Protein backbone atom coordinates (compact mmCIF):
# COMPACT_ATOMS: atom_id res chain seq x y z
CA MET A 1 -75.93 102.68 60.12
CA ARG A 2 -72.63 101.63 60.99
CA GLN A 3 -68.79 102.12 59.59
CA ASN A 4 -68.47 98.93 58.40
CA GLN A 5 -72.06 98.13 56.68
CA ILE A 6 -71.41 101.68 54.61
CA LYS A 7 -68.13 100.37 53.97
CA SER A 8 -69.97 96.76 52.78
CA ILE A 9 -72.23 99.07 50.52
CA ILE A 10 -69.65 100.57 48.89
CA GLN A 11 -67.65 97.37 48.56
CA VAL A 12 -71.25 95.70 47.08
CA LEU A 13 -71.80 98.79 44.51
CA PHE A 14 -67.97 98.56 43.40
CA ALA A 15 -68.43 94.80 42.30
CA ALA A 16 -71.58 95.75 40.77
CA LEU A 17 -69.85 98.36 38.43
CA LEU A 18 -67.25 95.39 37.47
CA PHE A 19 -69.23 93.05 36.91
CA GLY A 20 -71.76 94.75 34.99
CA ALA A 21 -68.88 95.43 32.56
CA SER A 22 -69.21 92.13 31.71
CA ALA A 23 -72.24 90.88 29.94
CA PRO A 24 -71.45 93.54 27.05
CA LEU A 25 -67.88 92.85 26.81
CA SER A 26 -68.68 89.18 26.92
CA LYS A 27 -71.29 89.49 24.17
CA LEU A 28 -68.45 91.30 22.21
CA LEU A 29 -66.28 88.20 22.86
CA LEU A 30 -68.58 85.96 21.74
CA GLY A 31 -67.84 86.86 18.15
CA ASP A 32 -64.50 84.59 18.92
CA VAL A 33 -65.08 82.06 20.66
CA GLU A 34 -67.77 79.18 21.57
CA PRO A 35 -69.71 80.25 25.00
CA ILE A 36 -68.31 76.98 26.61
CA PRO A 37 -64.69 78.12 26.42
CA LEU A 38 -65.48 81.54 27.26
CA ALA A 39 -66.61 80.73 30.24
CA ALA A 40 -63.85 78.42 31.14
CA PHE A 41 -61.27 81.06 30.44
CA LEU A 42 -63.31 84.11 32.74
CA TYR A 43 -63.15 81.29 35.56
CA LEU A 44 -59.80 80.64 34.69
CA GLY A 45 -59.59 84.27 34.57
CA SER A 46 -60.91 84.89 38.48
CA GLY A 47 -59.31 81.99 39.85
CA ILE A 48 -55.26 82.79 38.24
CA GLY A 49 -55.38 87.05 38.99
CA LEU A 50 -56.29 86.18 42.36
CA LEU A 51 -53.29 83.39 43.01
CA GLY A 52 -51.36 85.98 42.16
CA ILE A 53 -52.61 88.60 44.25
CA LYS A 54 -52.78 85.55 47.23
CA LEU A 55 -48.90 84.65 46.32
CA ILE A 56 -47.91 88.42 47.02
CA GLN A 57 -49.66 88.48 50.14
CA ARG A 58 -47.86 85.27 51.16
CA LEU A 59 -44.41 86.95 50.55
CA ASN A 60 -46.47 89.97 52.86
CA ARG A 61 -46.38 87.98 56.10
CA THR A 62 -48.30 90.23 58.03
CA GLN A 63 -51.51 89.25 55.48
CA ILE A 64 -51.60 85.70 56.60
CA ALA A 65 -52.98 86.08 60.01
CA GLN A 66 -56.13 88.42 58.94
CA GLU A 67 -58.73 85.37 57.24
CA ALA A 68 -59.68 82.43 58.24
CA LYS A 69 -58.95 79.32 56.38
CA ILE A 70 -61.07 77.01 54.99
CA GLU A 71 -62.03 74.11 56.87
CA LYS A 72 -62.96 70.69 55.66
CA SER A 73 -66.68 71.50 56.85
CA ASP A 74 -67.20 74.51 53.91
CA PHE A 75 -66.06 71.90 51.56
CA GLY A 76 -69.41 70.88 50.89
CA TRP A 77 -70.86 74.63 50.48
CA LEU A 78 -67.93 75.33 48.35
CA ALA A 79 -69.03 72.49 45.63
CA GLY A 80 -72.41 72.92 45.89
CA ALA A 81 -71.67 77.14 44.84
CA ILE A 82 -69.02 75.79 42.28
CA ILE A 83 -71.64 73.34 40.62
CA ALA A 84 -74.58 76.12 40.51
CA GLY A 85 -73.03 79.67 40.07
CA GLY A 86 -69.20 78.10 38.73
CA ILE A 87 -70.56 75.96 35.87
CA ALA A 88 -74.29 75.83 35.19
CA ALA A 89 -75.19 79.68 35.66
CA PRO A 90 -72.48 81.15 33.18
CA ILE A 91 -73.06 78.57 30.86
CA THR A 92 -76.45 79.33 30.20
CA LEU A 93 -75.85 82.72 30.41
CA LEU A 94 -73.64 83.22 27.61
CA PHE A 95 -75.90 80.93 25.45
CA SER A 96 -78.65 83.04 26.22
CA LEU A 97 -76.41 86.32 25.26
CA ARG A 98 -76.01 85.01 21.80
CA SER A 99 -80.31 86.13 21.26
CA THR A 100 -80.63 88.84 23.97
CA PRO A 101 -79.56 92.56 23.47
CA GLY A 102 -76.62 93.11 25.48
CA ALA A 103 -78.35 96.46 27.64
CA THR A 104 -81.70 93.78 28.01
CA ALA A 105 -79.64 91.23 29.72
CA SER A 106 -77.73 93.40 31.51
CA LEU A 107 -81.11 94.45 33.43
CA LEU A 108 -82.49 90.96 33.65
CA LEU A 109 -79.01 90.31 35.52
CA ASN A 110 -80.78 92.12 38.73
CA PHE A 111 -83.04 88.84 38.95
CA GLU A 112 -80.03 87.30 40.88
CA GLY A 113 -80.83 89.23 43.77
CA VAL A 114 -84.50 88.28 43.65
CA ALA A 115 -83.74 84.79 42.99
CA THR A 116 -80.84 85.04 46.04
CA THR A 117 -83.54 86.34 48.84
CA PHE A 118 -85.95 84.43 48.19
CA ILE A 119 -83.76 81.43 48.62
CA ALA A 120 -81.91 83.36 51.83
CA PHE A 121 -85.49 83.77 53.45
CA LEU A 122 -87.29 80.23 52.23
CA VAL A 123 -84.60 77.93 52.86
CA PHE A 124 -82.12 79.88 55.21
CA LYS A 125 -84.21 82.11 57.05
CA GLU A 126 -82.24 85.22 56.73
CA ALA A 127 -84.48 88.22 58.39
CA ILE A 128 -85.98 90.51 55.68
CA SER A 129 -87.75 93.51 56.54
CA ARG A 130 -90.80 94.54 54.56
CA ARG A 131 -88.34 97.88 52.35
CA VAL A 132 -86.25 94.75 51.47
CA TRP A 133 -89.61 93.11 50.40
CA TRP A 134 -90.43 96.15 48.46
CA ALA A 135 -87.38 95.81 47.03
CA ILE A 136 -86.97 92.42 45.58
CA GLY A 137 -91.34 93.11 44.25
CA LEU A 138 -89.74 96.42 42.12
CA VAL A 139 -86.84 94.10 40.44
CA THR A 140 -89.30 90.99 39.87
CA LEU A 141 -91.39 93.39 38.35
CA ALA A 142 -88.84 95.27 36.50
CA SER A 143 -87.37 91.44 35.19
CA ILE A 144 -90.52 90.10 33.61
CA ILE A 145 -91.29 93.44 31.99
CA LEU A 146 -87.88 92.69 30.46
CA SER A 147 -88.82 89.03 29.65
CA ILE A 148 -91.78 89.71 27.55
CA ASP A 149 -90.97 89.39 23.63
CA PHE A 150 -94.29 89.75 21.54
CA GLN A 151 -92.94 88.74 18.92
CA ALA A 152 -92.03 85.30 19.95
CA ALA A 153 -94.69 82.83 19.87
CA TRP A 154 -95.29 82.72 23.50
CA GLY A 155 -94.66 86.14 24.48
CA PHE A 156 -91.27 85.76 26.30
CA SER A 157 -87.81 85.01 24.96
CA LEU A 158 -86.18 82.18 25.23
CA GLY A 159 -82.87 84.00 25.96
CA ALA A 160 -84.15 86.44 27.64
CA LEU A 161 -85.62 83.39 30.44
CA GLY A 162 -82.64 81.42 29.91
CA ILE A 163 -80.60 84.77 31.66
CA VAL A 164 -83.60 84.37 34.47
CA LEU A 165 -82.11 81.08 35.29
CA ALA A 166 -78.56 81.41 35.88
CA CYS A 167 -80.16 83.83 38.08
CA VAL A 168 -81.75 80.98 40.19
CA PHE A 169 -78.31 79.39 39.46
CA TRP A 170 -76.27 82.20 41.05
CA GLY A 171 -78.72 82.83 43.72
CA ILE A 172 -78.19 79.37 44.91
CA ASP A 173 -74.54 80.10 44.41
CA ASN A 174 -74.56 82.94 46.38
CA ASN A 175 -76.49 81.82 49.72
CA PHE A 176 -73.70 78.57 49.95
CA THR A 177 -70.91 81.16 49.90
CA ARG A 178 -72.78 82.95 52.52
CA ASN A 179 -72.48 80.53 54.50
CA ILE A 180 -68.71 80.58 54.46
CA SER A 181 -68.21 83.96 53.74
CA ALA A 182 -66.44 84.28 57.46
CA LYS A 183 -63.38 82.28 55.98
CA ASP A 184 -60.62 83.98 52.86
CA PRO A 185 -62.76 85.41 49.97
CA LEU A 186 -59.62 84.99 47.94
CA VAL A 187 -59.05 81.74 48.59
CA ILE A 188 -62.97 80.94 48.03
CA VAL A 189 -62.79 82.73 45.05
CA ILE A 190 -59.17 80.75 43.41
CA ILE A 191 -61.06 77.64 44.61
CA LYS A 192 -63.92 78.58 42.72
CA GLY A 193 -62.45 80.33 39.37
CA LEU A 194 -60.12 77.08 38.86
CA VAL A 195 -61.91 74.47 39.36
CA SER A 196 -65.24 75.83 37.70
CA GLY A 197 -62.65 77.22 34.70
CA SER A 198 -60.90 73.95 34.38
CA PHE A 199 -64.50 72.02 34.26
CA SER A 200 -65.56 73.98 31.57
CA LEU A 201 -62.46 73.67 29.44
CA ILE A 202 -62.80 70.05 29.76
CA LEU A 203 -66.79 70.57 28.61
CA ALA A 204 -65.42 72.30 25.88
CA LEU A 205 -62.68 70.05 24.36
CA THR A 206 -64.85 67.05 24.71
CA LEU A 207 -67.52 68.49 23.05
CA GLY A 208 -65.26 69.66 20.21
CA ASN A 209 -65.27 73.38 20.77
CA GLN A 210 -62.60 74.93 19.46
CA LEU A 211 -60.02 77.68 21.10
CA PRO A 212 -59.61 80.92 20.35
CA ALA A 213 -55.98 82.73 19.61
CA TRP A 214 -53.82 83.64 22.23
CA ASP A 215 -54.60 87.21 22.04
CA VAL A 216 -58.30 86.63 22.77
CA ILE A 217 -57.45 84.12 25.68
CA LEU A 218 -55.40 86.75 27.53
CA LYS A 219 -58.51 89.45 27.03
CA MET A 220 -60.26 86.39 28.12
CA LEU A 221 -58.56 85.93 31.28
CA ALA A 222 -57.67 89.90 32.22
CA LEU A 223 -61.95 90.26 31.73
CA GLY A 224 -62.73 87.33 33.97
CA SER A 225 -59.96 88.66 36.97
CA VAL A 226 -61.32 91.83 37.31
CA SER A 227 -65.49 91.06 36.33
CA TYR A 228 -65.60 87.75 37.62
CA GLY A 229 -62.46 87.64 40.36
CA VAL A 230 -62.34 91.03 41.85
CA SER A 231 -66.05 91.60 41.56
CA ILE A 232 -66.91 88.08 43.45
CA VAL A 233 -64.47 89.18 46.74
CA LEU A 234 -66.00 92.32 47.00
CA PHE A 235 -69.05 90.66 47.22
CA ILE A 236 -68.22 88.15 49.66
CA HIS A 237 -67.12 90.87 52.16
CA SER A 238 -70.51 92.41 51.94
CA LEU A 239 -72.18 89.50 52.55
CA ARG A 240 -70.08 89.32 56.02
CA SER A 241 -72.02 92.95 56.85
CA LEU A 242 -75.22 93.22 54.97
CA GLY A 243 -76.50 89.26 54.73
CA ALA A 244 -77.69 87.44 50.89
CA ALA A 245 -80.62 89.09 50.29
CA ARG A 246 -78.99 92.83 50.85
CA THR A 247 -75.92 92.17 49.18
CA SER A 248 -77.42 90.09 45.85
CA THR A 249 -80.22 93.42 46.09
CA LEU A 250 -78.00 96.02 45.88
CA PHE A 251 -75.81 94.10 43.55
CA SER A 252 -78.61 94.58 40.97
CA THR A 253 -77.12 98.37 40.05
CA ALA A 254 -74.71 96.27 37.76
CA PRO A 255 -76.91 97.18 34.78
CA ILE A 256 -75.62 101.02 35.29
CA VAL A 257 -72.53 100.22 33.65
CA GLY A 258 -73.83 97.31 31.08
CA ILE A 259 -75.57 99.48 29.69
CA ILE A 260 -73.54 102.13 28.92
CA LEU A 261 -70.96 100.11 27.17
CA SER A 262 -73.64 98.07 25.46
CA MET A 263 -74.72 101.70 24.03
CA VAL A 264 -71.48 102.32 23.24
CA ILE A 265 -70.17 99.30 21.65
CA PHE A 266 -73.42 98.00 19.59
CA SER A 267 -75.18 100.90 19.45
CA GLU A 268 -77.94 99.44 20.89
CA MET A 269 -80.93 101.76 21.78
CA PRO A 270 -83.53 100.33 24.49
CA THR A 271 -87.13 99.51 23.83
CA TRP A 272 -89.90 101.19 25.44
CA LEU A 273 -90.13 98.50 27.74
CA PHE A 274 -86.58 99.10 29.06
CA PHE A 275 -87.68 102.35 30.42
CA ILE A 276 -90.08 101.45 32.40
CA ALA A 277 -87.78 98.70 33.85
CA PHE A 278 -85.26 100.37 34.41
CA PRO A 279 -86.40 103.18 37.04
CA LEU A 280 -87.84 100.04 38.83
CA MET A 281 -84.80 98.51 39.20
CA ILE A 282 -83.19 101.52 40.70
CA TRP A 283 -85.96 102.39 42.62
CA GLY A 284 -85.62 98.83 44.40
CA ALA A 285 -81.78 99.45 44.81
CA ILE A 286 -82.43 103.02 47.00
CA LEU A 287 -85.11 100.99 48.96
CA LEU A 288 -81.81 98.99 50.89
CA VAL A 289 -79.72 101.53 51.20
CA ASN A 290 -81.17 102.85 54.32
CA ASP A 291 -82.46 99.21 55.20
CA ASP A 292 -81.72 98.89 59.09
CA HIS A 293 -83.94 98.27 62.12
CA VAL A 294 -82.75 98.17 66.07
CA HIS A 295 -83.99 95.51 68.37
CA ASP A 296 -83.52 93.57 71.51
CA HIS A 297 -81.73 90.08 70.51
CA ILE A 298 -79.90 87.56 72.09
CA HIS A 299 -76.15 85.90 70.82
CA GLU A 300 -76.32 82.68 71.78
CA SER A 301 -72.56 81.44 72.63
CA ILE A 302 -70.62 80.21 69.60
CA LEU A 303 -66.78 78.92 68.87
CA HIS A 304 -66.19 80.20 65.17
CA GLU A 305 -63.08 81.47 63.38
CA HIS A 306 -63.27 84.51 61.34
CA ALA A 307 -61.35 87.73 60.40
CA HIS A 308 -62.25 90.94 62.89
CA ASN A 309 -61.16 93.53 64.98
CA HIS A 310 -61.82 94.36 68.56
CA ASP A 311 -63.77 97.80 67.63
CA ASP A 312 -67.45 96.45 66.88
CA GLY A 313 -69.04 95.31 70.40
CA HIS A 314 -68.91 91.66 69.30
CA HIS A 315 -65.08 90.12 70.14
CA ASN A 316 -64.16 91.42 73.81
CA HIS A 317 -61.32 88.91 74.37
CA VAL A 318 -58.08 89.93 75.14
CA HIS A 319 -55.02 89.36 73.73
CA GLU A 320 -51.79 89.41 75.47
CA ASP A 321 -50.10 91.50 72.55
CA ASN A 322 -52.93 93.43 72.46
CA LEU A 323 -53.67 93.20 68.77
CA ALA A 324 -55.46 96.53 67.34
CA LYS A 325 -55.36 95.76 63.75
CA LYS A 326 -58.10 93.18 61.75
CA HIS A 327 -56.42 89.35 62.46
CA SER A 328 -58.12 85.99 62.51
CA HIS A 329 -58.14 83.22 64.93
CA ILE A 330 -60.26 81.05 66.66
CA HIS A 331 -62.63 82.62 69.23
CA THR A 332 -66.27 82.47 71.56
CA HIS A 333 -68.53 84.74 71.92
CA GLU A 334 -70.35 84.26 75.56
CA GLU A 335 -74.18 84.19 75.36
CA LEU A 336 -75.04 88.53 75.14
CA SER A 337 -78.20 89.69 74.91
CA HIS A 338 -78.39 94.04 73.76
CA ALA A 339 -80.29 95.87 71.32
CA HIS A 340 -78.18 98.19 68.40
CA SER A 341 -78.65 99.06 64.90
CA HIS A 342 -77.59 95.87 62.67
CA MET A 343 -78.24 94.12 59.10
CA PRO A 344 -77.86 89.78 59.32
CA ASP A 345 -74.12 89.70 59.69
CA ILE A 346 -72.64 86.94 60.16
CA HIS A 347 -73.47 87.88 64.02
CA HIS A 348 -76.81 88.59 63.81
CA ARG A 349 -78.48 85.83 61.77
CA HIS A 350 -81.08 85.12 64.10
CA ILE A 351 -85.01 84.46 62.74
CA HIS A 352 -87.34 87.05 63.78
CA GLY A 353 -90.54 88.26 61.72
CA LEU A 354 -90.86 91.42 59.20
CA ASP A 355 -90.16 94.53 60.92
């Protein structure tokens, strides 16, 4: 496994840790605010927080050329990601959290990885190995187990099913974002956060939802900046090297923090179904850590732009000033045929069968 892949795994695991804290903390805030305003301020927090970081980068001019800019051709994917993941998903999730225990909700968020993987495979033809399919199967089974409610008329909890639906929306978001992951992650999340948050806030005001006190608003903005903003930036960085399926399934480690916080904050003791589902989800995540493969493959000639170094075997063009640090510019990859260990990163999205 190459160094950049190890770095990406660490990034997505840390992103999962930050996002895992969002479900129980959001449930705690629901005592003071309606679901739609909460979704609005969480996303506004992500946009505002990262906008501050971007402004600091602008003051440090050495940071400007490190990431590729958003182009007009990217706006369609970005708009789809905003509608699915920035508006539909969080509103559905927060309504569902009202009737779902925090620990169960945290584990059900793992289904996002399953939805992302199926969309990546069926729609975007991302290569998925047998090991990854086993991981998907384990997470799917665990999600089904957690949705069972023997007290409900149909045997399933509407709140739990609502969380699964939110995960499908996020799966669409992840795959759309995958297609623009080579561009500046800060700008992507700033746009998604500000647009999604503003829409939800306008919707909340239109529906007559009351806004909470300023101290509660500040708490929501702070939570959003970290659990949504920083987390999503790390997630996008991982998409570049690992692809949508593997990144999202590794993101399924998010419940660990959510479970701990739910037990501390709400004194919630998980049901016996939890103890069946939890090891299945952990097992699925572990299967992905060593997923990798080697085979002869061809890189077709392509002209594109993204942040890169010249030490990865794919960027052999020459600069007059001999740049050694990460930078971004439009560059051409000539056709190349070789074999090495790889994942479906931005340079290895070729189609092949199971391996």
